[in-house]
Amino acid sequence: MSNLLSRRALLAASGALGLTACAPQRPTDSDVFKIWGPPAGPSITLAYAQTLGLLEQVSPGAQVSVWRSPDELRAGLTSNTISLSVMPLNTAANLYNRGRDIRLVNVMTKGLLYIVSGDEALSGIPSLAGRRLAVPYRKDAPEIVLRQLLSHHRLDPQKDLELRVTGTPIEAAQLLLTGRVDAAFIPEPAASAAIAAAGVVGRSLRRAIDIQESWRTVAGPDATLPQAGLAVSGRFAEAHLDELTELQSVLGAATQSTIDRPAEAAEAAAGLFSLPKPVLEASIPFSNLTAQSAQQARPGVEAYFAVLDRLDPEILGGRLPDDGFFL
C-alpha cells in the first residue's frame, strides 16, 4: 500500500479521529460551577462524574467543558473565564511562579503519553534515531517530556531525528496516518484514535513506546509522570472551598468508576470529545487515571518538577513552586 492514503481512506480515518468535530469551544462568562478539561483522559472522569450525578452533589447545575488547545486554556485563564480546569502541571506551576494566583487541587493522571507507530523496530527512545516523529504542542508537556527523554539518551532533536511539531495531537496522528512521519508522540485518547483510524484503512499501528516506562529510566524506578491535574484560581478557591473539598471526594469515586466501567464512562464522554465511544473506552486502561489530592501527590509532583527544572528552569517559571501552590 502507498504511504499516502487515498482520499476516501483518509476521510474514513479522519472520521475515527474526530478531525471534523474539534472546533474550539470558546470560554464564556458564567456563574455556573464549571470545570474545564483537556481533550484527554481526565475529562472522561469529569464527564462520567456528571452523568452519575456526582457533580450535582458538589454544586447544582455544575457543568463540564473541554478546551481544545493550551492557547485556549491560557486565554481563558487570562480573561478569568476559566477558573477551574484540568491542565498540565507544568503550565499551572509556570503561571503560579509568574504571579498568577493559581493553586493545584489534585493530580488526575500519572501519565498518558505514548509513541504510536507501525514500525516494528521501534522499542525504546534510542530507536528513534533517524526517524521522523510528530509531537504536539510546542513548549508544552509532550514536547517538554520528549526533550528530557532525548537528552537522557543523548539524542539531539536537531541532528539525530526529524521532529514535526503540530498544533494538536490529532494533527500529529494525521501525519502518521498519511505516512508523513514514522511515529507520533501523542496522549490518550488520540493514541487509541490513531490505532482505530489505521484499522479502518487496513493498516496496523501500536503503542510502540510507553512513555511512562521510559520516564522511569530518567527519574527513577518508582517515578510516575503526574502529567495533569485540576487547578483553580485563588479567587475561585476562596469562594468555593467547601465545594472543592466535596469535588475532590467525588472525583475519587468517579475515577474508580471510570476504571471499573470503561464502557459506561466512554458513553458519558463521547459527546464531549466528539470521538466514538469505542475509541474512548479503549483509551481508559492506558490513561493511568487517578484522583490524588495535591497534598497526597506532592512528593511525586515535586520529583517530576525537579527533573523539568534541571532540563530548563524556565519551564516552571524559574523555580520550583512553594507551599502556596498546593491547595
C-alpha atoms as a PDB file:
ATOM      1  CA  MET A   1       0.000   0.000   0.000  1.00  0.00           C
ATOM      2  CA  SER A   2       1.243   3.508  -0.781  1.00  0.00           C
ATOM      3  CA  ASN A   3       2.442   5.617   2.115  1.00  0.00           C
ATOM      4  CA  LEU A   4      -0.131   8.192   1.143  1.00  0.00           C
ATOM      5  CA  LEU A   5      -3.644   7.021   1.840  1.00  0.00           C
ATOM      6  CA  SER A   6      -6.374   7.514  -0.757  1.00  0.00           C
ATOM      7  CA  ARG A   7      -8.725  10.456  -0.236  1.00  0.00           C
ATOM      8  CA  ARG A   8     -11.586   8.099   0.663  1.00  0.00           C
ATOM      9  CA  ALA A   9      -9.445   6.225   3.186  1.00  0.00           C
ATOM     10  CA  LEU A  10      -8.173   9.424   4.746  1.00  0.00           C
ATOM     11  CA  LEU A  11     -11.720  10.704   5.181  1.00  0.00           C
ATOM     12  CA  ALA A  12     -12.660   7.454   6.879  1.00  0.00           C
ATOM     13  CA  ALA A  13      -9.656   7.718   9.159  1.00  0.00           C
ATOM     14  CA  SER A  14     -10.440  11.350   9.866  1.00  0.00           C
ATOM     15  CA  GLY A  15     -13.913  10.359  10.986  1.00  0.00           C
ATOM     16  CA  ALA A  16     -12.490   7.926  13.506  1.00  0.00           C
ATOM     17  CA  LEU A  17     -10.133  10.594  14.757  1.00  0.00           C
ATOM     18  CA  GLY A  18     -12.822  13.238  15.066  1.00  0.00           C
ATOM     19  CA  LEU A  19     -10.856  15.595  12.812  1.00  0.00           C
ATOM     20  CA  THR A  20     -14.014  17.290  11.608  1.00  0.00           C
ATOM     21  CA  ALA A  21     -15.510  17.692  15.063  1.00  0.00           C
ATOM     22  CA  CYS A  22     -12.890  19.586  17.024  1.00  0.00           C
ATOM     23  CA  ALA A  23     -13.938  23.208  16.606  1.00  0.00           C
ATOM     24  CA  PRO A  24     -12.834  25.108  19.728  1.00  0.00           C
ATOM     25  CA  GLN A  25     -15.445  25.822  22.383  1.00  0.00           C
ATOM     26  CA  ARG A  26     -14.949  29.427  23.383  1.00  0.00           C
ATOM     27  CA  PRO A  27     -14.827  30.082  27.121  1.00  0.00           C
ATOM     28  CA  THR A  28     -17.703  32.272  28.276  1.00  0.00           C
ATOM     29  CA  ASP A  29     -18.509  34.086  31.488  1.00  0.00           C
ATOM     30  CA  SER A  30     -20.878  32.123  33.695  1.00  0.00           C
ATOM     31  CA  ASP A  31     -21.946  31.965  37.309  1.00  0.00           C
ATOM     32  CA  VAL A  32     -22.351  28.202  36.968  1.00  0.00           C
ATOM     33  CA  PHE A  33     -19.781  25.944  38.678  1.00  0.00           C
ATOM     34  CA  LYS A  34     -17.907  24.960  35.517  1.00  0.00           C
ATOM     35  CA  ILE A  35     -14.999  22.529  35.300  1.00  0.00           C
ATOM     36  CA  TRP A  36     -12.852  22.663  32.195  1.00  0.00           C
ATOM     37  CA  GLY A  37     -10.631  19.872  30.966  1.00  0.00           C
ATOM     38  CA  PRO A  38      -8.396  18.869  28.055  1.00  0.00           C
ATOM     39  CA  PRO A  39      -9.387  16.532  25.204  1.00  0.00           C
ATOM     40  CA  ALA A  40      -7.677  13.744  27.167  1.00  0.00           C
ATOM     41  CA  GLY A  41      -8.283  11.028  29.764  1.00  0.00           C
ATOM     42  CA  PRO A  42      -9.063  13.121  32.880  1.00  0.00           C
ATOM     43  CA  SER A  43     -12.019  14.719  31.104  1.00  0.00           C
ATOM     44  CA  ILE A  44     -13.577  11.269  30.712  1.00  0.00           C
ATOM     45  CA  THR A  45     -13.616  11.121  34.511  1.00  0.00           C
ATOM     46  CA  LEU A  46     -15.241  14.564  34.654  1.00  0.00           C
ATOM     47  CA  ALA A  47     -17.898  13.616  32.102  1.00  0.00           C
ATOM     48  CA  TYR A  48     -18.721  10.379  33.902  1.00  0.00           C
ATOM     49  CA  ALA A  49     -18.918  12.199  37.236  1.00  0.00           C
ATOM     50  CA  GLN A  50     -21.501  14.495  35.684  1.00  0.00           C
ATOM     51  CA  THR A  51     -23.503  11.594  34.221  1.00  0.00           C
ATOM     52  CA  LEU A  52     -23.501   9.805  37.579  1.00  0.00           C
ATOM     53  CA  GLY A  53     -24.917  12.923  39.222  1.00  0.00           C
ATOM     54  CA  LEU A  54     -21.836  13.351  41.389  1.00  0.00           C
ATOM     55  CA  LEU A  55     -21.121  16.898  40.249  1.00  0.00           C
ATOM     56  CA  GLU A  56     -24.693  17.854  41.116  1.00  0.00           C
ATOM     57  CA  GLN A  57     -23.824  16.909  44.693  1.00  0.00           C
ATOM     58  CA  VAL A  58     -20.961  19.378  44.567  1.00  0.00           C
ATOM     59  CA  SER A  59     -22.911  22.280  43.080  1.00  0.00           C
ATOM     60  CA  PRO A  60     -26.375  22.223  41.462  1.00  0.00           C
ATOM     61  CA  GLY A  61     -26.060  22.837  37.730  1.00  0.00           C
ATOM     62  CA  ALA A  62     -22.319  22.080  37.632  1.00  0.00           C
ATOM     63  CA  GLN A  63     -21.017  21.745  34.082  1.00  0.00           C
ATOM     64  CA  VAL A  64     -18.057  20.197  32.244  1.00  0.00           C
ATOM     65  CA  SER A  65     -16.475  21.746  29.146  1.00  0.00           C
ATOM     66  CA  VAL A  66     -13.402  20.885  27.075  1.00  0.00           C
ATOM     67  CA  TRP A  67     -10.700  23.284  25.948  1.00  0.00           C
ATOM     68  CA  ARG A  68      -9.030  22.278  22.684  1.00  0.00           C
ATOM     69  CA  SER A  69      -5.531  23.725  22.952  1.00  0.00           C
ATOM     70  CA  PRO A  70      -3.149  25.151  25.574  1.00  0.00           C
ATOM     71  CA  ASP A  71      -3.561  28.569  23.940  1.00  0.00           C
ATOM     72  CA  GLU A  72      -7.315  28.431  24.523  1.00  0.00           C
ATOM     73  CA  LEU A  73      -6.706  27.432  28.126  1.00  0.00           C
ATOM     74  CA  ARG A  74      -4.281  30.316  28.706  1.00  0.00           C
ATOM     75  CA  ALA A  75      -6.673  32.790  27.095  1.00  0.00           C
ATOM     76  CA  GLY A  76      -9.448  31.635  29.409  1.00  0.00           C
ATOM     77  CA  LEU A  77      -7.216  31.888  32.472  1.00  0.00           C
ATOM     78  CA  THR A  78      -6.023  35.360  31.483  1.00  0.00           C
ATOM     79  CA  SER A  79      -9.563  36.634  30.904  1.00  0.00           C
ATOM     80  CA  ASN A  80     -10.842  34.936  34.084  1.00  0.00           C
ATOM     81  CA  THR A  81     -13.417  32.974  32.086  1.00  0.00           C
ATOM     82  CA  ILE A  82     -11.740  29.731  33.145  1.00  0.00           C
ATOM     83  CA  SER A  83     -11.366  29.466  36.915  1.00  0.00           C
ATOM     84  CA  LEU A  84     -11.280  25.693  37.436  1.00  0.00           C
ATOM     85  CA  SER A  85      -9.597  23.384  34.943  1.00  0.00           C
ATOM     86  CA  VAL A  86      -7.563  20.250  34.464  1.00  0.00           C
ATOM     87  CA  MET A  87      -4.278  21.323  32.913  1.00  0.00           C
ATOM     88  CA  PRO A  88      -0.662  20.227  32.521  1.00  0.00           C
ATOM     89  CA  LEU A  89       1.074  20.564  35.867  1.00  0.00           C
ATOM     90  CA  ASN A  90       3.998  22.431  34.333  1.00  0.00           C
ATOM     91  CA  THR A  91       1.548  25.033  32.976  1.00  0.00           C
ATOM     92  CA  ALA A  92      -0.040  25.529  36.385  1.00  0.00           C
ATOM     93  CA  ALA A  93       3.357  25.825  38.095  1.00  0.00           C
ATOM     94  CA  ASN A  94       4.650  28.278  35.483  1.00  0.00           C
ATOM     95  CA  LEU A  95       1.604  30.518  35.887  1.00  0.00           C
ATOM     96  CA  TYR A  96       1.910  30.380  39.671  1.00  0.00           C
ATOM     97  CA  ASN A  97       5.599  31.278  39.629  1.00  0.00           C
ATOM     98  CA  ARG A  98       4.905  34.188  37.287  1.00  0.00           C
ATOM     99  CA  GLY A  99       2.484  35.748  39.731  1.00  0.00           C
ATOM    100  CA  ARG A 100      -0.906  34.330  38.796  1.00  0.00           C
ATOM    101  CA  ASP A 101      -2.969  33.302  41.808  1.00  0.00           C
ATOM    102  CA  ILE A 102      -3.498  29.639  40.937  1.00  0.00           C
ATOM    103  CA  ARG A 103      -3.470  26.538  43.143  1.00  0.00           C
ATOM    104  CA  LEU A 104      -3.209  22.816  42.460  1.00  0.00           C
ATOM    105  CA  VAL A 105      -6.240  20.837  43.686  1.00  0.00           C
ATOM    106  CA  ASN A 106      -5.178  17.353  42.647  1.00  0.00           C
ATOM    107  CA  VAL A 107      -3.434  15.101  40.122  1.00  0.00           C
ATOM    108  CA  MET A 108      -5.756  13.275  37.696  1.00  0.00           C
ATOM    109  CA  THR A 109      -3.355  11.204  35.609  1.00  0.00           C
ATOM    110  CA  LYS A 110       0.020   9.644  36.239  1.00  0.00           C
ATOM    111  CA  GLY A 111       0.843   9.795  32.546  1.00  0.00           C
ATOM    112  CA  LEU A 112      -0.971   9.081  29.270  1.00  0.00           C
ATOM    113  CA  LEU A 113       1.718   9.612  26.660  1.00  0.00           C
ATOM    114  CA  TYR A 114       2.722   7.046  24.029  1.00  0.00           C
ATOM    115  CA  ILE A 115       4.735   6.863  20.848  1.00  0.00           C
ATOM    116  CA  VAL A 116       2.453   5.271  18.259  1.00  0.00           C
ATOM    117  CA  SER A 117       3.917   3.683  15.142  1.00  0.00           C
ATOM    118  CA  GLY A 118       3.622   0.811  12.731  1.00  0.00           C
ATOM    119  CA  ASP A 119       7.403   0.349  12.742  1.00  0.00           C
ATOM    120  CA  GLU A 120       8.159  -2.960  14.476  1.00  0.00           C
ATOM    121  CA  ALA A 121      11.754  -1.857  15.084  1.00  0.00           C
ATOM    122  CA  LEU A 122      10.691   0.917  17.458  1.00  0.00           C
ATOM    123  CA  SER A 123      11.037  -0.349  21.018  1.00  0.00           C
ATOM    124  CA  GLY A 124      12.619   2.407  23.091  1.00  0.00           C
ATOM    125  CA  ILE A 125      13.739   6.029  22.972  1.00  0.00           C
ATOM    126  CA  PRO A 126      17.184   5.220  21.444  1.00  0.00           C
ATOM    127  CA  SER A 127      15.421   3.560  18.498  1.00  0.00           C
ATOM    128  CA  LEU A 128      14.003   6.965  17.479  1.00  0.00           C
ATOM    129  CA  ALA A 129      17.349   7.842  15.920  1.00  0.00           C
ATOM    130  CA  GLY A 130      16.902   8.503  12.227  1.00  0.00           C
ATOM    131  CA  ARG A 131      13.080   8.537  12.464  1.00  0.00           C
ATOM    132  CA  ARG A 132      10.534  11.231  11.634  1.00  0.00           C
ATOM    133  CA  LEU A 133       8.493  11.957  14.771  1.00  0.00           C
ATOM    134  CA  ALA A 134       5.411  14.159  15.193  1.00  0.00           C
ATOM    135  CA  VAL A 135       4.821  15.777  18.588  1.00  0.00           C
ATOM    136  CA  PRO A 136       2.026  18.205  19.531  1.00  0.00           C
ATOM    137  CA  TYR A 137       2.065  21.494  21.432  1.00  0.00           C
ATOM    138  CA  ARG A 138       5.371  23.330  21.094  1.00  0.00           C
ATOM    139  CA  LYS A 139       6.916  24.062  24.515  1.00  0.00           C
ATOM    140  CA  ASP A 140       4.110  22.251  26.347  1.00  0.00           C
ATOM    141  CA  ALA A 141       4.013  18.964  28.250  1.00  0.00           C
ATOM    142  CA  PRO A 142       4.506  16.432  25.399  1.00  0.00           C
ATOM    143  CA  GLU A 143       7.439  18.267  23.823  1.00  0.00           C
ATOM    144  CA  ILE A 144       8.978  19.020  27.243  1.00  0.00           C
ATOM    145  CA  VAL A 145       8.856  15.361  28.290  1.00  0.00           C
ATOM    146  CA  LEU A 146      10.208  14.277  24.906  1.00  0.00           C
ATOM    147  CA  ARG A 147      13.118  16.716  25.141  1.00  0.00           C
ATOM    148  CA  GLN A 148      14.076  15.323  28.541  1.00  0.00           C
ATOM    149  CA  LEU A 149      13.946  11.734  27.280  1.00  0.00           C
ATOM    150  CA  LEU A 150      16.023  12.551  24.206  1.00  0.00           C
ATOM    151  CA  SER A 151      18.575  14.399  26.311  1.00  0.00           C
ATOM    152  CA  HIS A 152      18.855  11.489  28.720  1.00  0.00           C
ATOM    153  CA  HIS A 153      19.614   9.137  25.838  1.00  0.00           C
ATOM    154  CA  ARG A 154      21.995  11.654  24.240  1.00  0.00           C
ATOM    155  CA  LEU A 155      19.894  12.207  21.154  1.00  0.00           C
ATOM    156  CA  ASP A 156      19.970  15.641  19.548  1.00  0.00           C
ATOM    157  CA  PRO A 157      16.500  16.504  18.187  1.00  0.00           C
ATOM    158  CA  GLN A 158      18.128  18.787  15.619  1.00  0.00           C
ATOM    159  CA  LYS A 159      20.512  16.163  14.254  1.00  0.00           C
ATOM    160  CA  ASP A 160      19.575  12.628  15.268  1.00  0.00           C
ATOM    161  CA  LEU A 161      15.906  12.617  14.238  1.00  0.00           C
ATOM    162  CA  GLU A 162      13.382  14.785  12.450  1.00  0.00           C
ATOM    163  CA  LEU A 163      10.772  16.403  14.708  1.00  0.00           C
ATOM    164  CA  ARG A 164       7.499  17.736  13.330  1.00  0.00           C
ATOM    165  CA  VAL A 165       5.713  19.875  15.938  1.00  0.00           C
ATOM    166  CA  THR A 166       1.947  20.115  15.418  1.00  0.00           C
ATOM    167  CA  GLY A 167      -0.833  22.213  16.912  1.00  0.00           C
ATOM    168  CA  THR A 168      -2.799  19.282  18.329  1.00  0.00           C
ATOM    169  CA  PRO A 169      -2.440  15.535  18.979  1.00  0.00           C
ATOM    170  CA  ILE A 170      -4.962  14.852  16.209  1.00  0.00           C
ATOM    171  CA  GLU A 171      -2.752  16.691  13.703  1.00  0.00           C
ATOM    172  CA  ALA A 172       0.213  14.588  14.819  1.00  0.00           C
ATOM    173  CA  ALA A 173      -1.865  11.429  14.350  1.00  0.00           C
ATOM    174  CA  GLN A 174      -2.920  12.602  10.890  1.00  0.00           C
ATOM    175  CA  LEU A 175       0.726  12.972   9.852  1.00  0.00           C
ATOM    176  CA  LEU A 176       1.305   9.400  10.954  1.00  0.00           C
ATOM    177  CA  LEU A 177      -1.757   8.092   9.142  1.00  0.00           C
ATOM    178  CA  THR A 178      -0.733   9.747   5.901  1.00  0.00           C
ATOM    179  CA  GLY A 179       2.825   8.432   6.072  1.00  0.00           C
ATOM    180  CA  ARG A 180       4.500  11.803   6.508  1.00  0.00           C
ATOM    181  CA  VAL A 181       6.130  10.704   9.767  1.00  0.00           C
ATOM    182  CA  ASP A 182       7.240   7.333  11.124  1.00  0.00           C
ATOM    183  CA  ALA A 183       5.768   7.789  14.593  1.00  0.00           C
ATOM    184  CA  ALA A 184       3.658  10.159  16.671  1.00  0.00           C
ATOM    185  CA  PHE A 185       4.253  11.141  20.297  1.00  0.00           C
ATOM    186  CA  ILE A 186       0.667  11.602  21.494  1.00  0.00           C
ATOM    187  CA  PRO A 187      -1.557  11.317  24.569  1.00  0.00           C
ATOM    188  CA  GLU A 188      -4.656   9.257  25.067  1.00  0.00           C
ATOM    189  CA  PRO A 189      -7.270   9.205  23.634  1.00  0.00           C
ATOM    190  CA  ALA A 190      -5.507  10.386  20.460  1.00  0.00           C
ATOM    191  CA  ALA A 191      -3.315   7.283  20.579  1.00  0.00           C
ATOM    192  CA  SER A 192      -6.352   4.991  20.620  1.00  0.00           C
ATOM    193  CA  ALA A 193      -7.984   7.096  17.903  1.00  0.00           C
ATOM    194  CA  ALA A 194      -4.944   6.759  15.641  1.00  0.00           C
ATOM    195  CA  ILE A 195      -4.850   2.986  16.118  1.00  0.00           C
ATOM    196  CA  ALA A 196      -8.589   2.756  15.343  1.00  0.00           C
ATOM    197  CA  ALA A 197      -8.280   5.003  12.290  1.00  0.00           C
ATOM    198  CA  ALA A 198      -5.443   2.904  10.916  1.00  0.00           C
ATOM    199  CA  GLY A 199      -7.598  -0.199  11.275  1.00  0.00           C
ATOM    200  CA  VAL A 200     -10.316   1.431   9.172  1.00  0.00           C
ATOM    201  CA  VAL A 201      -7.897   1.657   6.230  1.00  0.00           C
ATOM    202  CA  GLY A 202      -6.252  -1.720   6.746  1.00  0.00           C
ATOM    203  CA  ARG A 203      -3.100  -0.505   8.473  1.00  0.00           C
ATOM    204  CA  SER A 204      -1.673  -1.622  11.805  1.00  0.00           C
ATOM    205  CA  LEU A 205      -0.440   0.832  14.413  1.00  0.00           C
ATOM    206  CA  ARG A 206       0.549   0.121  18.007  1.00  0.00           C
ATOM    207  CA  ARG A 207       1.734   1.876  21.145  1.00  0.00           C
ATOM    208  CA  ALA A 208       5.375   1.201  20.353  1.00  0.00           C
ATOM    209  CA  ILE A 209       6.819   3.050  23.369  1.00  0.00           C
ATOM    210  CA  ASP A 210       5.145   3.586  26.735  1.00  0.00           C
ATOM    211  CA  ILE A 211       6.452   6.987  27.805  1.00  0.00           C
ATOM    212  CA  GLN A 212       5.569   6.327  31.450  1.00  0.00           C
ATOM    213  CA  GLU A 213       8.001   3.390  31.440  1.00  0.00           C
ATOM    214  CA  SER A 214      10.601   5.426  29.583  1.00  0.00           C
ATOM    215  CA  TRP A 215      10.266   8.224  32.149  1.00  0.00           C
ATOM    216  CA  ARG A 216      11.347   5.857  34.924  1.00  0.00           C
ATOM    217  CA  THR A 217      14.709   5.477  33.189  1.00  0.00           C
ATOM    218  CA  VAL A 218      15.155   9.230  33.721  1.00  0.00           C
ATOM    219  CA  ALA A 219      13.538   9.850  37.099  1.00  0.00           C
ATOM    220  CA  GLY A 220      13.983   6.538  38.922  1.00  0.00           C
ATOM    221  CA  PRO A 221      12.260   3.142  39.115  1.00  0.00           C
ATOM    222  CA  ASP A 222       9.420   4.375  41.339  1.00  0.00           C
ATOM    223  CA  ALA A 223       8.794   7.630  39.499  1.00  0.00           C
ATOM    224  CA  THR A 224       5.448   8.493  37.973  1.00  0.00           C
ATOM    225  CA  LEU A 225       4.585  11.077  35.349  1.00  0.00           C
ATOM    226  CA  PRO A 226       1.999  13.327  37.077  1.00  0.00           C
ATOM    227  CA  GLN A 227       1.160  14.989  33.828  1.00  0.00           C
ATOM    228  CA  ALA A 228      -2.083  16.808  34.550  1.00  0.00           C
ATOM    229  CA  GLY A 229      -4.287  17.827  37.430  1.00  0.00           C
ATOM    230  CA  LEU A 230      -7.086  20.113  38.484  1.00  0.00           C
ATOM    231  CA  ALA A 231      -6.023  23.697  39.172  1.00  0.00           C
ATOM    232  CA  VAL A 232      -8.104  26.600  40.469  1.00  0.00           C
ATOM    233  CA  SER A 233      -7.762  30.350  40.663  1.00  0.00           C
ATOM    234  CA  GLY A 234      -7.203  31.658  44.169  1.00  0.00           C
ATOM    235  CA  ARG A 235     -10.302  33.838  43.930  1.00  0.00           C
ATOM    236  CA  PHE A 236     -12.489  30.885  42.962  1.00  0.00           C
ATOM    237  CA  ALA A 237     -10.929  28.692  45.650  1.00  0.00           C
ATOM    238  CA  GLU A 238     -11.743  31.207  48.374  1.00  0.00           C
ATOM    239  CA  ALA A 239     -15.349  31.475  47.194  1.00  0.00           C
ATOM    240  CA  HIS A 240     -15.880  27.717  46.768  1.00  0.00           C
ATOM    241  CA  LEU A 241     -13.637  25.999  49.306  1.00  0.00           C
ATOM    242  CA  ASP A 242     -16.389  23.677  50.594  1.00  0.00           C
ATOM    243  CA  GLU A 243     -17.367  22.691  47.051  1.00  0.00           C
ATOM    244  CA  LEU A 244     -13.744  21.966  46.135  1.00  0.00           C
ATOM    245  CA  THR A 245     -13.387  19.683  49.142  1.00  0.00           C
ATOM    246  CA  GLU A 246     -16.515  17.805  48.061  1.00  0.00           C
ATOM    247  CA  LEU A 247     -15.332  17.790  44.444  1.00  0.00           C
ATOM    248  CA  GLN A 248     -12.108  16.048  45.395  1.00  0.00           C
ATOM    249  CA  SER A 249     -14.130  13.381  47.179  1.00  0.00           C
ATOM    250  CA  VAL A 250     -16.499  12.716  44.272  1.00  0.00           C
ATOM    251  CA  LEU A 251     -13.662  12.679  41.732  1.00  0.00           C
ATOM    252  CA  GLY A 252     -12.073   9.858  43.690  1.00  0.00           C
ATOM    253  CA  ALA A 253     -15.284   7.867  43.339  1.00  0.00           C
ATOM    254  CA  ALA A 254     -15.703   8.844  39.679  1.00  0.00           C
ATOM    255  CA  THR A 255     -12.143   7.814  38.837  1.00  0.00           C
ATOM    256  CA  GLN A 256     -12.636   4.353  40.289  1.00  0.00           C
ATOM    257  CA  SER A 257     -15.963   4.009  38.470  1.00  0.00           C
ATOM    258  CA  THR A 258     -14.299   5.064  35.193  1.00  0.00           C
ATOM    259  CA  ILE A 259     -11.605   2.412  35.622  1.00  0.00           C
ATOM    260  CA  ASP A 260     -14.132  -0.275  36.640  1.00  0.00           C
ATOM    261  CA  ARG A 261     -16.774   0.551  33.999  1.00  0.00           C
ATOM    262  CA  PRO A 262     -14.923   1.957  30.983  1.00  0.00           C
ATOM    263  CA  ALA A 263     -17.787   1.316  28.538  1.00  0.00           C
ATOM    264  CA  GLU A 264     -20.212   3.405  30.595  1.00  0.00           C
ATOM    265  CA  ALA A 265     -17.637   6.127  31.155  1.00  0.00           C
ATOM    266  CA  ALA A 266     -16.856   6.249  27.438  1.00  0.00           C
ATOM    267  CA  GLU A 267     -20.532   6.584  26.579  1.00  0.00           C
ATOM    268  CA  ALA A 268     -20.820   9.500  29.002  1.00  0.00           C
ATOM    269  CA  ALA A 269     -17.839  11.271  27.446  1.00  0.00           C
ATOM    270  CA  ALA A 270     -18.408  10.544  23.738  1.00  0.00           C
ATOM    271  CA  GLY A 271     -20.393  13.709  23.056  1.00  0.00           C
ATOM    272  CA  LEU A 272     -17.968  15.904  24.957  1.00  0.00           C
ATOM    273  CA  PHE A 273     -14.978  14.605  22.994  1.00  0.00           C
ATOM    274  CA  SER A 274     -16.648  14.182  19.592  1.00  0.00           C
ATOM    275  CA  LEU A 275     -14.908  10.808  19.410  1.00  0.00           C
ATOM    276  CA  PRO A 276     -16.505   7.379  19.046  1.00  0.00           C
ATOM    277  CA  LYS A 277     -17.312   5.517  22.236  1.00  0.00           C
ATOM    278  CA  PRO A 278     -15.066   2.503  21.354  1.00  0.00           C
ATOM    279  CA  VAL A 279     -12.053   4.804  20.991  1.00  0.00           C
ATOM    280  CA  LEU A 280     -12.608   6.376  24.407  1.00  0.00           C
ATOM    281  CA  GLU A 281     -13.262   3.000  26.004  1.00  0.00           C
ATOM    282  CA  ALA A 282     -10.006   1.635  24.559  1.00  0.00           C
ATOM    283  CA  SER A 283      -8.078   4.640  25.890  1.00  0.00           C
ATOM    284  CA  ILE A 284      -9.109   4.351  29.547  1.00  0.00           C
ATOM    285  CA  PRO A 285      -6.818   1.453  30.558  1.00  0.00           C
ATOM    286  CA  PHE A 286      -3.870   3.379  29.101  1.00  0.00           C
ATOM    287  CA  SER A 287      -4.667   6.738  30.740  1.00  0.00           C
ATOM    288  CA  ASN A 288      -3.343   5.952  34.250  1.00  0.00           C
ATOM    289  CA  LEU A 289      -6.231   7.838  35.826  1.00  0.00           C
ATOM    290  CA  THR A 290      -6.066   8.861  39.458  1.00  0.00           C
ATOM    291  CA  ALA A 291      -7.517  11.484  41.806  1.00  0.00           C
ATOM    292  CA  GLN A 292      -4.791  12.228  44.328  1.00  0.00           C
ATOM    293  CA  SER A 293      -5.155  15.409  46.312  1.00  0.00           C
ATOM    294  CA  ALA A 294      -2.395  17.950  45.825  1.00  0.00           C
ATOM    295  CA  GLN A 295      -1.011  17.241  49.271  1.00  0.00           C
ATOM    296  CA  GLN A 296      -1.010  13.462  48.740  1.00  0.00           C
ATOM    297  CA  ALA A 297       0.594  13.811  45.318  1.00  0.00           C
ATOM    298  CA  ARG A 298       3.112  16.458  46.327  1.00  0.00           C
ATOM    299  CA  PRO A 299       6.206  14.203  46.660  1.00  0.00           C
ATOM    300  CA  GLY A 300       5.705  12.775  43.168  1.00  0.00           C
ATOM    301  CA  VAL A 301       4.858  16.191  41.724  1.00  0.00           C
ATOM    302  CA  GLU A 302       7.980  17.765  43.206  1.00  0.00           C
ATOM    303  CA  ALA A 303      10.127  14.916  41.884  1.00  0.00           C
ATOM    304  CA  TYR A 304       8.639  15.494  38.413  1.00  0.00           C
ATOM    305  CA  PHE A 305       9.217  19.232  38.688  1.00  0.00           C
ATOM    306  CA  ALA A 306      12.821  18.689  39.788  1.00  0.00           C
ATOM    307  CA  VAL A 307      13.553  16.827  36.561  1.00  0.00           C
ATOM    308  CA  LEU A 308      11.924  19.571  34.470  1.00  0.00           C
ATOM    309  CA  ASP A 309      13.802  22.250  36.388  1.00  0.00           C
ATOM    310  CA  ARG A 310      17.129  20.575  35.621  1.00  0.00           C
ATOM    311  CA  LEU A 311      16.217  20.471  31.937  1.00  0.00           C
ATOM    312  CA  ASP A 312      15.227  24.144  31.775  1.00  0.00           C
ATOM    313  CA  PRO A 313      14.243  26.270  34.803  1.00  0.00           C
ATOM    314  CA  GLU A 314      12.046  28.470  32.615  1.00  0.00           C
ATOM    315  CA  ILE A 315       9.622  25.568  32.097  1.00  0.00           C
ATOM    316  CA  LEU A 316       8.343  26.183  35.628  1.00  0.00           C
ATOM    317  CA  GLY A 317       8.864  29.926  35.616  1.00  0.00           C
ATOM    318  CA  GLY A 318      12.369  29.969  37.038  1.00  0.00           C
ATOM    319  CA  ARG A 319      11.945  27.979  40.250  1.00  0.00           C
ATOM    320  CA  LEU A 320      10.098  25.162  41.946  1.00  0.00           C
ATOM    321  CA  PRO A 321       6.662  26.249  43.253  1.00  0.00           C
ATOM    322  CA  ASP A 322       6.455  26.819  47.005  1.00  0.00           C
ATOM    323  CA  ASP A 323       3.915  25.654  49.599  1.00  0.00           C
ATOM    324  CA  GLY A 324       1.253  28.067  48.389  1.00  0.00           C
ATOM    325  CA  PHE A 325       0.890  26.189  45.114  1.00  0.00           C
ATOM    326  CA  PHE A 326      -0.514  23.056  46.761  1.00  0.00           C
ATOM    327  CA  LEU A 327      -4.116  23.579  47.922  1.00  0.00           C
END
